[in-house]
């Protein structure tokens, strides 16, 4: 029996079924992986620009309101 190339192709792939479920990559996991790779050799004991005069940063805080204060609850 002779089979045409078209017939062989159809016979080879006729009964193939694929059930696959791909979990979507989360952006969170990508971000965590990137940060971990960037910081894997970071030494938190050393400050940036070691040997250079530290940068002075001034911070002002404005308090809009303070909740109820009770002298009984204060220690």
N, C-alpha and C. Protein backbone atom coordinates (compact mmCIF):
# COMPACT_ATOMS: atom_id res chain seq x y z
N UNK A 1 0.86 -1.17 0.00
CA UNK A 1 0.00 0.00 0.00
C UNK A 1 0.90 1.23 0.00
N UNK A 2 0.62 2.15 -0.86
CA UNK A 2 1.38 3.39 -0.95
C UNK A 2 0.59 4.51 -0.27
N UNK A 3 1.32 5.27 0.50
CA UNK A 3 0.70 6.41 1.17
C UNK A 3 1.26 7.70 0.59
N UNK A 4 0.42 8.62 0.38
CA UNK A 4 0.89 9.92 -0.10
C UNK A 4 1.48 10.68 1.10
N UNK A 5 2.40 11.64 0.90
CA UNK A 5 2.97 12.41 2.01
C UNK A 5 1.90 13.11 2.84
N UNK A 6 0.85 13.59 2.20
CA UNK A 6 -0.21 14.28 2.93
C UNK A 6 -0.90 13.30 3.87
N UNK A 7 -1.15 12.11 3.43
CA UNK A 7 -1.82 11.09 4.23
C UNK A 7 -0.96 10.72 5.44
N UNK A 8 0.37 10.56 5.24
CA UNK A 8 1.26 10.23 6.35
C UNK A 8 1.24 11.33 7.40
N UNK A 9 1.27 12.56 6.97
CA UNK A 9 1.24 13.70 7.89
C UNK A 9 -0.02 13.66 8.74
N UNK A 10 -1.15 13.46 8.11
CA UNK A 10 -2.42 13.43 8.83
C UNK A 10 -2.47 12.26 9.80
N UNK A 11 -1.94 11.11 9.41
CA UNK A 11 -1.96 9.95 10.29
C UNK A 11 -1.05 10.16 11.49
N UNK A 12 0.10 10.80 11.31
CA UNK A 12 1.05 11.00 12.40
C UNK A 12 0.48 11.91 13.48
N UNK A 13 -0.26 12.91 13.11
CA UNK A 13 -0.70 13.92 14.06
C UNK A 13 -2.19 13.85 14.38
N UNK A 14 -2.84 12.86 13.90
CA UNK A 14 -4.28 12.78 14.05
C UNK A 14 -4.71 12.60 15.51
N UNK A 15 -4.03 11.73 16.26
CA UNK A 15 -4.46 11.38 17.62
C UNK A 15 -3.68 12.12 18.71
N UNK A 16 -2.96 13.13 18.37
CA UNK A 16 -2.15 13.84 19.36
C UNK A 16 -3.02 14.87 20.08
N UNK A 17 -3.08 14.74 21.39
CA UNK A 17 -3.76 15.76 22.20
C UNK A 17 -2.79 16.25 23.25
N UNK A 18 -2.84 17.52 23.51
CA UNK A 18 -1.93 18.09 24.51
C UNK A 18 -2.75 18.90 25.50
N UNK A 19 -2.56 18.58 26.75
CA UNK A 19 -3.19 19.34 27.83
C UNK A 19 -2.07 19.96 28.65
N UNK A 20 -1.88 21.24 28.49
CA UNK A 20 -0.83 21.93 29.23
C UNK A 20 -1.42 23.18 29.85
N UNK A 21 -0.97 23.45 31.06
CA UNK A 21 -1.40 24.67 31.73
C UNK A 21 -0.14 25.40 32.17
N UNK A 22 0.03 26.59 31.70
CA UNK A 22 1.19 27.38 32.07
C UNK A 22 0.77 28.41 33.11
N UNK A 23 1.49 28.42 34.21
CA UNK A 23 1.21 29.41 35.25
C UNK A 23 1.82 30.74 34.81
N UNK A 24 1.05 31.81 34.85
CA UNK A 24 1.60 33.10 34.44
C UNK A 24 2.66 33.56 35.43
N UNK A 25 3.74 34.13 34.91
CA UNK A 25 4.78 34.67 35.78
C UNK A 25 4.26 35.95 36.40
N UNK A 26 4.45 36.06 37.68
CA UNK A 26 3.99 37.28 38.33
C UNK A 26 5.09 38.32 38.30
N UNK A 27 4.68 39.54 38.23
CA UNK A 27 5.64 40.63 38.21
C UNK A 27 6.39 40.70 39.54
N UNK A 28 5.70 40.34 40.63
CA UNK A 28 6.31 40.33 41.95
C UNK A 28 7.53 39.42 42.00
N UNK A 29 7.37 38.22 41.48
CA UNK A 29 8.47 37.25 41.50
C UNK A 29 9.64 37.76 40.67
N UNK A 30 9.35 38.37 39.54
CA UNK A 30 10.41 38.92 38.69
C UNK A 30 11.16 40.03 39.42
N UNK A 31 10.44 40.91 40.07
CA UNK A 31 11.05 42.02 40.79
C UNK A 31 11.92 41.51 41.91
N UNK A 32 11.42 40.55 42.67
CA UNK A 32 12.19 39.98 43.77
C UNK A 32 13.47 39.33 43.26
N UNK A 33 13.36 38.60 42.17
CA UNK A 33 14.54 37.94 41.60
C UNK A 33 15.57 38.95 41.13
N UNK A 34 15.13 40.01 40.50
CA UNK A 34 16.04 41.05 40.01
C UNK A 34 16.75 41.72 41.18
N UNK A 35 15.98 42.10 42.21
CA UNK A 35 16.59 42.75 43.37
C UNK A 35 17.56 41.83 44.09
N UNK A 36 17.20 40.57 44.25
CA UNK A 36 18.11 39.62 44.90
C UNK A 36 19.41 39.48 44.12
N UNK A 37 19.33 39.44 42.80
CA UNK A 37 20.55 39.34 41.98
C UNK A 37 21.40 40.60 42.09
N UNK A 38 20.77 41.76 42.13
CA UNK A 38 21.52 43.01 42.25
C UNK A 38 22.20 43.15 43.60
N UNK A 39 21.55 42.66 44.65
CA UNK A 39 22.05 42.87 46.01
C UNK A 39 22.75 41.66 46.62
N UNK A 40 23.01 40.61 45.84
CA UNK A 40 23.55 39.38 46.43
C UNK A 40 24.94 39.58 47.02
N UNK A 41 25.73 40.51 46.53
CA UNK A 41 27.06 40.75 47.09
C UNK A 41 27.14 42.09 47.82
N UNK A 42 26.01 42.66 48.16
CA UNK A 42 25.96 43.94 48.85
C UNK A 42 26.34 43.76 50.31
N UNK A 43 27.24 44.58 50.82
CA UNK A 43 27.64 44.52 52.22
C UNK A 43 26.97 45.67 52.96
N UNK A 44 25.95 45.36 53.74
CA UNK A 44 25.19 46.42 54.41
C UNK A 44 25.97 47.07 55.55
N UNK A 45 27.13 46.52 55.90
CA UNK A 45 27.95 47.13 56.96
C UNK A 45 28.72 48.34 56.44
N UNK A 46 28.91 48.43 55.13
CA UNK A 46 29.63 49.55 54.54
C UNK A 46 28.65 50.61 54.06
N UNK A 47 28.93 51.86 54.41
CA UNK A 47 28.06 52.92 53.93
C UNK A 47 28.49 53.33 52.52
N UNK A 48 27.57 53.88 51.74
CA UNK A 48 27.93 54.33 50.39
C UNK A 48 28.98 55.43 50.43
N UNK A 49 29.81 55.51 49.42
CA UNK A 49 30.86 56.53 49.29
C UNK A 49 31.77 56.55 50.51
N UNK A 50 32.21 55.38 50.96
CA UNK A 50 33.10 55.30 52.12
C UNK A 50 34.38 56.09 51.83
N UNK A 51 34.84 56.85 52.81
CA UNK A 51 36.01 57.69 52.64
C UNK A 51 35.67 59.10 52.22
N UNK A 52 34.42 59.36 51.93
CA UNK A 52 33.95 60.69 51.54
C UNK A 52 33.12 61.24 52.69
N UNK A 53 33.14 62.56 52.85
CA UNK A 53 32.36 63.18 53.92
C UNK A 53 30.88 62.81 53.77
N UNK A 54 30.22 62.41 54.87
CA UNK A 54 28.81 62.02 54.78
C UNK A 54 27.91 63.19 54.35
N UNK A 55 26.83 62.87 53.72
CA UNK A 55 25.84 63.86 53.29
C UNK A 55 24.92 64.16 54.46
N UNK A 56 24.72 65.45 54.73
CA UNK A 56 23.82 65.86 55.80
C UNK A 56 22.43 66.04 55.21
N UNK A 57 21.45 65.40 55.83
CA UNK A 57 20.07 65.49 55.36
C UNK A 57 19.22 66.08 56.47
N UNK A 58 18.54 67.18 56.18
CA UNK A 58 17.63 67.80 57.14
C UNK A 58 16.21 67.37 56.82
N UNK A 59 15.45 67.06 57.86
CA UNK A 59 14.06 66.63 57.69
C UNK A 59 13.18 67.49 58.57
N UNK A 60 12.13 68.06 58.00
CA UNK A 60 11.13 68.81 58.76
C UNK A 60 9.85 67.99 58.80
N UNK A 61 9.25 67.91 59.98
CA UNK A 61 7.99 67.17 60.13
C UNK A 61 6.94 68.14 60.66
N UNK A 62 5.83 68.16 59.98
CA UNK A 62 4.70 68.98 60.42
C UNK A 62 3.60 68.05 60.89
N UNK A 63 3.16 68.25 62.15
CA UNK A 63 2.10 67.41 62.71
C UNK A 63 0.78 68.14 62.51
N UNK A 64 -0.13 67.50 61.80
CA UNK A 64 -1.41 68.10 61.50
C UNK A 64 -2.35 68.01 62.70
N UNK A 65 -2.33 66.89 63.39
CA UNK A 65 -3.18 66.74 64.58
C UNK A 65 -2.65 65.61 65.45
N UNK A 66 -3.04 65.64 66.71
CA UNK A 66 -2.68 64.58 67.66
C UNK A 66 -3.98 64.10 68.27
N UNK A 67 -4.12 62.79 68.35
CA UNK A 67 -5.34 62.21 68.92
C UNK A 67 -5.44 62.47 70.42
N UNK A 68 -6.47 61.93 71.04
CA UNK A 68 -6.66 62.17 72.47
C UNK A 68 -5.48 61.64 73.30
N UNK A 69 -5.03 62.47 74.25
CA UNK A 69 -3.92 62.10 75.13
C UNK A 69 -4.46 61.98 76.54
N UNK A 70 -4.16 60.87 77.19
CA UNK A 70 -4.64 60.64 78.55
C UNK A 70 -3.44 60.45 79.46
N UNK A 71 -3.36 61.25 80.53
CA UNK A 71 -2.25 61.12 81.47
C UNK A 71 -2.33 59.80 82.24
N UNK A 72 -3.49 59.20 82.32
CA UNK A 72 -3.65 57.92 83.01
C UNK A 72 -2.95 56.80 82.23
N UNK A 73 -3.03 56.83 80.92
CA UNK A 73 -2.43 55.79 80.09
C UNK A 73 -0.93 55.98 79.87
N UNK A 74 -0.40 57.14 80.24
CA UNK A 74 1.02 57.41 80.03
C UNK A 74 1.85 56.73 81.12
N UNK A 75 2.97 56.23 80.73
CA UNK A 75 3.85 55.57 81.71
C UNK A 75 5.02 56.45 82.01
